[in-house]
């Protein structure tokens, strides 16, 4: 059984709500308005917030403990022990990403992943990009993903800002759209007014630049070859696929996909570069699911099905079409006969 990472909106706890109200009266008496009833506060909210270690993906925790030589994580003396399921799910994720071997020990890839202050998926993407010659490009993508959003959409100017964002859209990929924005910002001397003109958060971009240089310093420290693939962005898409193949989805209808591993419906967000495209790609991978009115995929990239089979072989394989061998032979013979007949006809002309 495999859990799925998703960002779900969750009610505050009583302790959390009281802490927030303390902010209102910090330097003098204040008022705190709560957008729920007293009954809901008393009967529906949890008394205490669930400790983060008990509700989040533990990939980094597992990597860190393994690198410190602690092998039996299920008996490790955590202050707030996370549910065993969470631990096992995180170990399973690290196994299929290639960070743990079949015995649960760190692989060379896993040892490298420990060095990066990144989610294991993003660390995998970055390390795998070395053999594709696009570490420089993937470092930008990974840094941009560390920001909630680099585009802003001010009220009353939604249409104008949407039109501006569309100019940066890279065909078939939100990840490459982020890369595109960064490259254009760099070309324009990293200027803040360029950001303002294009409805891009200048502060977020400066943070992306900072994170990016930290990540590249770590890469250099690990003696990784930091190259750019120039305009061959298929290499970047392949690196993205190497990290997100567990979030692969296949097209069902326009705008709607289904997760290929659990059949869960997932939708393109209207702000995605793939939304409203003339020809929608059949296979995609996504960064995460955000549950609001629907299960929306956040940050989507089209992938080749062959990549899924090559990089996520434990989940996917390429199935030959359902023809029997006999049917195949008949078809091939008919094709061969037709080619020969055509050749004869051409010769007699």
Protein backbone atom coordinates (compact mmCIF):
# COMPACT_ATOMS: atom_id res chain seq x y z
CA UNK A 1 0.00 0.00 0.00
CA UNK A 2 1.44 3.28 -1.08
CA UNK A 3 0.48 6.62 0.45
CA UNK A 4 0.27 9.66 -1.75
CA UNK A 5 1.72 13.08 -1.05
CA UNK A 6 -0.86 15.79 -1.37
CA UNK A 7 -1.37 19.28 -0.02
CA UNK A 8 -4.72 19.29 1.77
CA UNK A 9 -6.29 22.24 3.56
CA UNK A 10 -6.71 21.21 7.20
CA UNK A 11 -8.47 22.98 10.13
CA UNK A 12 -6.28 24.73 12.70
CA UNK A 13 -6.01 23.16 16.20
CA UNK A 14 -7.29 24.89 19.37
CA UNK A 15 -3.68 25.44 20.49
CA UNK A 16 -2.78 26.88 17.06
CA UNK A 17 -5.83 29.19 17.12
CA UNK A 18 -4.94 30.46 20.61
CA UNK A 19 -1.37 31.07 19.52
CA UNK A 20 -2.66 33.12 16.54
CA UNK A 21 -4.97 35.18 18.80
CA UNK A 22 -1.91 35.97 20.94
CA UNK A 23 -0.47 37.74 17.85
CA UNK A 24 -3.48 40.12 17.81
CA UNK A 25 -2.83 41.40 21.33
CA UNK A 26 0.93 41.30 21.36
CA UNK A 27 1.80 44.91 22.17
CA UNK A 28 -1.55 46.02 23.58
CA UNK A 29 -5.15 44.83 23.86
CA UNK A 30 -6.48 43.52 20.53
CA UNK A 31 -9.39 41.65 18.95
CA UNK A 32 -9.21 38.31 17.17
CA UNK A 33 -12.05 37.41 14.78
CA UNK A 34 -12.52 33.70 14.17
CA UNK A 35 -14.20 32.45 11.03
CA UNK A 36 -15.89 29.48 12.70
CA UNK A 37 -18.45 28.92 15.46
CA UNK A 38 -17.75 28.39 19.12
CA UNK A 39 -19.32 24.94 18.79
CA UNK A 40 -16.87 24.03 15.99
CA UNK A 41 -13.98 25.31 18.14
CA UNK A 42 -15.01 23.19 21.11
CA UNK A 43 -16.10 20.01 19.34
CA UNK A 44 -14.43 19.83 15.91
CA UNK A 45 -10.90 21.23 16.28
CA UNK A 46 -8.06 19.09 17.61
CA UNK A 47 -6.79 20.29 20.99
CA UNK A 48 -3.12 20.17 19.91
CA UNK A 49 -1.44 20.40 16.49
CA UNK A 50 -0.15 17.01 15.30
CA UNK A 51 3.70 17.12 15.41
CA UNK A 52 5.10 17.65 11.93
CA UNK A 53 7.19 14.47 12.06
CA UNK A 54 3.94 12.49 12.39
CA UNK A 55 2.23 13.94 9.34
CA UNK A 56 4.86 14.61 6.68
CA UNK A 57 7.00 12.62 4.30
CA UNK A 58 10.00 11.37 6.23
CA UNK A 59 12.33 10.85 3.27
CA UNK A 60 14.96 13.31 4.55
CA UNK A 61 14.74 11.98 8.11
CA UNK A 62 15.32 8.41 6.85
CA UNK A 63 18.26 9.52 4.66
CA UNK A 64 19.86 11.43 7.52
CA UNK A 65 19.50 8.59 10.06
CA UNK A 66 20.80 6.02 7.56
CA UNK A 67 23.81 8.23 6.79
CA UNK A 68 24.53 8.40 10.53
CA UNK A 69 24.68 4.60 10.63
CA UNK A 70 21.29 4.05 12.30
CA UNK A 71 19.84 1.13 10.41
CA UNK A 72 16.85 -0.09 12.39
CA UNK A 73 14.56 2.91 12.08
CA UNK A 74 11.43 1.12 13.27
CA UNK A 75 12.88 0.78 16.79
CA UNK A 76 14.59 4.21 16.82
CA UNK A 77 13.70 6.26 19.90
CA UNK A 78 11.92 9.28 18.34
CA UNK A 79 10.56 11.93 20.74
CA UNK A 80 7.23 11.85 18.85
CA UNK A 81 7.37 8.52 17.02
CA UNK A 82 5.85 8.84 13.53
CA UNK A 83 3.32 6.19 12.46
CA UNK A 84 5.13 3.08 11.20
CA UNK A 85 3.24 3.36 7.91
CA UNK A 86 4.77 6.80 7.26
CA UNK A 87 8.26 5.47 7.89
CA UNK A 88 7.76 2.43 5.68
CA UNK A 89 6.24 4.58 2.91
CA UNK A 90 9.22 6.93 3.01
CA UNK A 91 11.64 3.99 2.87
CA UNK A 92 9.70 2.56 -0.06
CA UNK A 93 9.88 5.91 -1.87
CA UNK A 94 13.65 6.07 -1.28
CA UNK A 95 13.98 2.52 -2.59
CA UNK A 96 12.20 3.22 -5.87
CA UNK A 97 14.13 6.48 -6.30
CA UNK A 98 17.31 4.37 -6.02
CA UNK A 99 18.56 5.86 -2.72
CA UNK A 100 18.20 2.58 -0.78
CA UNK A 101 19.12 -0.90 -2.02
CA UNK A 102 17.07 -4.07 -1.52
CA UNK A 103 18.54 -4.50 1.98
CA UNK A 104 17.54 -0.97 2.97
CA UNK A 105 21.13 0.33 2.94
CA UNK A 106 22.13 3.68 1.40
CA UNK A 107 23.31 3.43 -2.23
CA UNK A 108 25.98 5.80 -3.65
CA UNK A 109 23.06 7.88 -5.01
CA UNK A 110 21.51 7.95 -1.52
CA UNK A 111 24.80 9.13 0.02
CA UNK A 112 24.91 12.01 -2.48
CA UNK A 113 21.27 12.88 -1.77
CA UNK A 114 22.05 13.43 1.93
CA UNK A 115 24.31 16.35 0.95
CA UNK A 116 21.46 18.39 -0.55
CA UNK A 117 18.98 20.33 1.61
CA UNK A 118 16.24 19.20 -0.77
CA UNK A 119 13.28 16.87 -0.87
CA UNK A 120 14.60 13.42 -1.99
CA UNK A 121 12.68 13.67 -5.28
CA UNK A 122 14.38 16.95 -6.18
CA UNK A 123 17.79 15.71 -5.05
CA UNK A 124 17.34 12.67 -7.33
CA UNK A 125 16.40 14.93 -10.26
CA UNK A 126 19.52 17.01 -9.75
CA UNK A 127 21.94 14.07 -9.37
CA UNK A 128 20.45 12.19 -12.34
CA UNK A 129 20.75 15.32 -14.51
CA UNK A 130 24.55 15.01 -14.40
CA UNK A 131 24.59 12.11 -16.87
CA UNK A 132 22.20 14.05 -19.14
CA UNK A 133 24.52 17.08 -19.11
CA UNK A 134 21.98 19.53 -17.68
CA UNK A 135 22.84 20.07 -14.00
CA UNK A 136 22.88 23.86 -14.51
CA UNK A 137 19.33 23.85 -15.94
CA UNK A 138 17.89 21.40 -13.40
CA UNK A 139 19.42 23.42 -10.53
CA UNK A 140 17.30 26.35 -11.73
CA UNK A 141 14.12 24.24 -11.92
CA UNK A 142 14.71 22.78 -8.44
CA UNK A 143 15.36 26.25 -6.96
CA UNK A 144 12.22 27.69 -8.56
CA UNK A 145 10.18 24.81 -7.09
CA UNK A 146 11.31 25.87 -3.62
CA UNK A 147 9.15 29.02 -3.99
CA UNK A 148 5.36 28.86 -3.57
CA UNK A 149 4.92 30.85 -6.80
CA UNK A 150 6.99 33.20 -8.89
CA UNK A 151 4.01 34.68 -10.77
CA UNK A 152 1.52 37.04 -9.19
CA UNK A 153 -2.03 37.78 -10.27
CA UNK A 154 -3.24 41.10 -8.86
CA UNK A 155 -6.98 41.72 -8.52
CA UNK A 156 -8.51 43.74 -11.36
CA UNK A 157 -5.51 42.85 -13.58
CA UNK A 158 -6.05 39.07 -13.86
CA UNK A 159 -6.37 39.04 -17.65
CA UNK A 160 -3.31 41.20 -18.16
CA UNK A 161 -1.18 39.07 -15.80
CA UNK A 162 -2.45 35.81 -17.38
CA UNK A 163 -1.48 37.09 -20.83
CA UNK A 164 1.96 38.02 -19.51
CA UNK A 165 2.47 34.58 -17.94
CA UNK A 166 1.48 32.84 -21.18
CA UNK A 167 4.39 34.50 -22.97
CA UNK A 168 6.76 32.41 -20.85
CA UNK A 169 4.97 29.09 -21.40
CA UNK A 170 7.29 26.33 -22.58
CA UNK A 171 5.49 23.76 -24.72
CA UNK A 172 4.33 20.83 -22.62
CA UNK A 173 6.02 21.77 -19.37
CA UNK A 174 5.43 23.97 -16.34
CA UNK A 175 8.90 23.06 -15.05
CA UNK A 176 10.47 24.38 -18.26
CA UNK A 177 8.28 27.49 -17.99
CA UNK A 178 10.02 28.21 -14.65
CA UNK A 179 13.40 27.70 -16.32
CA UNK A 180 12.36 30.01 -19.15
CA UNK A 181 11.41 32.81 -16.73
CA UNK A 182 14.76 32.53 -14.94
CA UNK A 183 16.77 32.57 -18.18
CA UNK A 184 14.92 35.65 -19.45
CA UNK A 185 15.37 37.41 -16.10
CA UNK A 186 19.11 36.65 -16.28
CA UNK A 187 19.23 37.98 -19.84
CA UNK A 188 17.67 41.18 -18.52
CA UNK A 189 20.38 41.68 -15.91
CA UNK A 190 18.37 40.25 -12.99
CA UNK A 191 16.45 43.54 -12.85
CA UNK A 192 13.50 44.02 -10.45
CA UNK A 193 11.63 46.35 -12.81
CA UNK A 194 11.70 43.63 -15.48
CA UNK A 195 9.91 41.36 -12.95
CA UNK A 196 7.33 44.01 -12.07
CA UNK A 197 6.58 44.60 -15.75
CA UNK A 198 5.95 40.87 -16.29
CA UNK A 199 3.92 40.17 -13.13
CA UNK A 200 6.75 38.15 -11.55
CA UNK A 201 7.69 38.33 -7.86
CA UNK A 202 11.12 40.01 -7.81
CA UNK A 203 11.71 38.90 -4.21
CA UNK A 204 10.92 35.27 -5.07
CA UNK A 205 13.30 35.42 -8.05
CA UNK A 206 16.12 36.75 -5.88
CA UNK A 207 15.52 33.86 -3.49
CA UNK A 208 15.58 31.39 -6.44
CA UNK A 209 18.95 32.84 -7.47
CA UNK A 210 20.28 32.46 -3.92
CA UNK A 211 19.06 28.85 -3.53
CA UNK A 212 20.45 28.05 -6.97
CA UNK A 213 23.95 29.24 -6.11
CA UNK A 214 23.89 27.25 -2.84
CA UNK A 215 22.84 24.11 -4.73
CA UNK A 216 25.54 24.61 -7.37
CA UNK A 217 28.16 25.07 -4.64
CA UNK A 218 27.18 21.66 -3.23
CA UNK A 219 27.36 20.16 -6.76
CA UNK A 220 30.87 21.56 -7.20
CA UNK A 221 31.84 20.26 -3.76
CA UNK A 222 30.70 16.79 -4.89
CA UNK A 223 32.78 17.25 -8.10
CA UNK A 224 29.67 17.02 -10.28
CA UNK A 225 29.95 18.29 -13.86
CA UNK A 226 27.84 21.44 -14.01
CA UNK A 227 26.76 21.80 -17.64
CA UNK A 228 23.82 23.31 -19.48
CA UNK A 229 22.04 21.45 -22.27
CA UNK A 230 21.40 24.75 -24.07
CA UNK A 231 18.15 24.44 -25.99
CA UNK A 232 17.95 20.64 -25.84
CA UNK A 233 15.25 20.78 -23.18
CA UNK A 234 14.22 17.14 -23.73
CA UNK A 235 17.17 16.29 -21.46
CA UNK A 236 15.63 18.39 -18.68
CA UNK A 237 12.25 16.71 -19.20
CA UNK A 238 13.95 13.33 -18.90
CA UNK A 239 15.65 14.37 -15.63
CA UNK A 240 12.24 15.51 -14.34
CA UNK A 241 10.78 12.11 -15.31
CA UNK A 242 13.59 10.30 -13.43
CA UNK A 243 12.37 11.87 -10.20
CA UNK A 244 8.60 12.00 -10.65
CA UNK A 245 7.76 8.74 -12.40
CA UNK A 246 5.69 7.72 -9.35
CA UNK A 247 3.46 10.73 -10.13
CA UNK A 248 2.84 9.68 -13.73
CA UNK A 249 -0.61 10.18 -15.20
CA UNK A 250 -2.27 9.23 -18.49
CA UNK A 251 -4.78 11.39 -20.34
CA UNK A 252 -8.43 10.47 -19.90
CA UNK A 253 -10.24 13.44 -21.44
CA UNK A 254 -9.42 17.11 -22.06
CA UNK A 255 -7.81 18.51 -18.93
CA UNK A 256 -8.36 15.29 -16.97
CA UNK A 257 -5.74 12.62 -16.31
CA UNK A 258 -5.63 9.51 -14.13
CA UNK A 259 -2.69 8.53 -11.96
CA UNK A 260 -1.21 5.45 -13.65
CA UNK A 261 -0.53 3.64 -10.39
CA UNK A 262 -3.74 4.07 -8.44
CA UNK A 263 -6.27 5.31 -11.00
CA UNK A 264 -6.91 8.50 -9.05
CA UNK A 265 -8.36 11.31 -11.20
CA UNK A 266 -6.17 14.43 -11.38
CA UNK A 267 -6.78 17.64 -13.26
CA UNK A 268 -4.69 20.25 -15.05
CA UNK A 269 -4.93 23.61 -13.28
CA UNK A 270 -6.13 26.49 -15.51
CA UNK A 271 -2.78 28.23 -14.82
CA UNK A 272 -0.76 25.30 -16.27
CA UNK A 273 1.11 25.72 -19.56
CA UNK A 274 -0.60 22.50 -20.72
CA UNK A 275 -4.13 23.76 -20.03
CA UNK A 276 -5.95 24.56 -23.25
CA UNK A 277 -3.09 23.31 -25.44
CA UNK A 278 -4.11 22.31 -28.95
CA UNK A 279 -2.77 18.78 -28.63
CA UNK A 280 -2.65 17.54 -25.08
CA UNK A 281 0.21 15.14 -24.23
CA UNK A 282 -0.89 11.60 -23.39
CA UNK A 283 1.62 10.99 -20.57
CA UNK A 284 2.71 13.49 -17.95
CA UNK A 285 4.36 13.64 -14.53
CA UNK A 286 3.51 16.19 -11.84
CA UNK A 287 5.26 17.74 -8.83
CA UNK A 288 2.41 17.30 -6.34
CA UNK A 289 -1.35 17.16 -6.00
CA UNK A 290 -3.20 20.03 -4.37
CA UNK A 291 -6.66 19.20 -3.08
CA UNK A 292 -9.00 22.17 -3.39
CA UNK A 293 -12.29 21.96 -5.30
CA UNK A 294 -10.67 19.18 -7.37
CA UNK A 295 -7.42 17.22 -7.27
CA UNK A 296 -5.25 19.67 -9.19
CA UNK A 297 -1.77 18.72 -10.38
CA UNK A 298 0.84 21.30 -9.49
CA UNK A 299 3.66 21.78 -11.98
CA UNK A 300 3.23 19.32 -14.85
CA UNK A 301 5.61 18.08 -17.56
CA UNK A 302 4.89 15.88 -20.58
CA UNK A 303 7.04 12.73 -20.78
CA UNK A 304 7.71 9.97 -23.30
CA UNK A 305 6.19 6.63 -22.23
CA UNK A 306 9.56 4.94 -23.00
CA UNK A 307 11.16 7.06 -20.27
CA UNK A 308 8.64 5.79 -17.72
CA UNK A 309 9.54 2.18 -18.56
CA UNK A 310 13.27 2.95 -18.55
CA UNK A 311 13.39 5.04 -15.35
CA UNK A 312 10.52 3.55 -13.37
CA UNK A 313 10.86 -0.10 -14.34
CA UNK A 314 9.41 -1.27 -11.01
CA UNK A 315 6.08 0.33 -11.95
CA UNK A 316 5.92 0.41 -15.74
CA UNK A 317 6.68 -1.75 -18.72
CA UNK A 318 5.88 -1.38 -22.39
CA UNK A 319 3.20 -3.84 -23.43
CA UNK A 320 3.23 -5.16 -26.98
CA UNK A 321 -0.09 -4.61 -28.74
CA UNK A 322 -2.66 -7.33 -28.09
CA UNK A 323 -2.16 -9.16 -31.40
CA UNK A 324 -1.26 -12.84 -31.31
CA UNK A 325 1.93 -13.91 -33.04
CA UNK A 326 -0.06 -15.50 -35.88
CA UNK A 327 -1.98 -12.27 -36.49
CA UNK A 328 1.27 -10.35 -36.46
CA UNK A 329 2.84 -12.70 -39.02
CA UNK A 330 -0.18 -12.40 -41.34
CA UNK A 331 -0.04 -8.61 -41.06
CA UNK A 332 3.70 -8.51 -41.74
CA UNK A 333 3.34 -10.85 -44.73
CA UNK A 334 0.54 -8.70 -46.19
CA UNK A 335 2.71 -5.61 -45.73
CA UNK A 336 5.69 -7.34 -47.39
CA UNK A 337 3.52 -8.52 -50.31
CA UNK A 338 2.14 -5.02 -50.81
CA UNK A 339 5.68 -3.55 -50.90
CA UNK A 340 6.82 -6.20 -53.41
CA UNK A 341 3.76 -5.62 -55.61
CA UNK A 342 4.44 -1.90 -55.57
CA UNK A 343 8.08 -2.46 -56.50
CA UNK A 344 7.08 -4.71 -59.44
CA UNK A 345 4.58 -2.12 -60.66
CA UNK A 346 7.22 0.62 -60.46
CA UNK A 347 9.64 -1.57 -62.45
CA UNK A 348 7.11 -2.16 -65.29
CA UNK A 349 6.23 1.54 -65.54
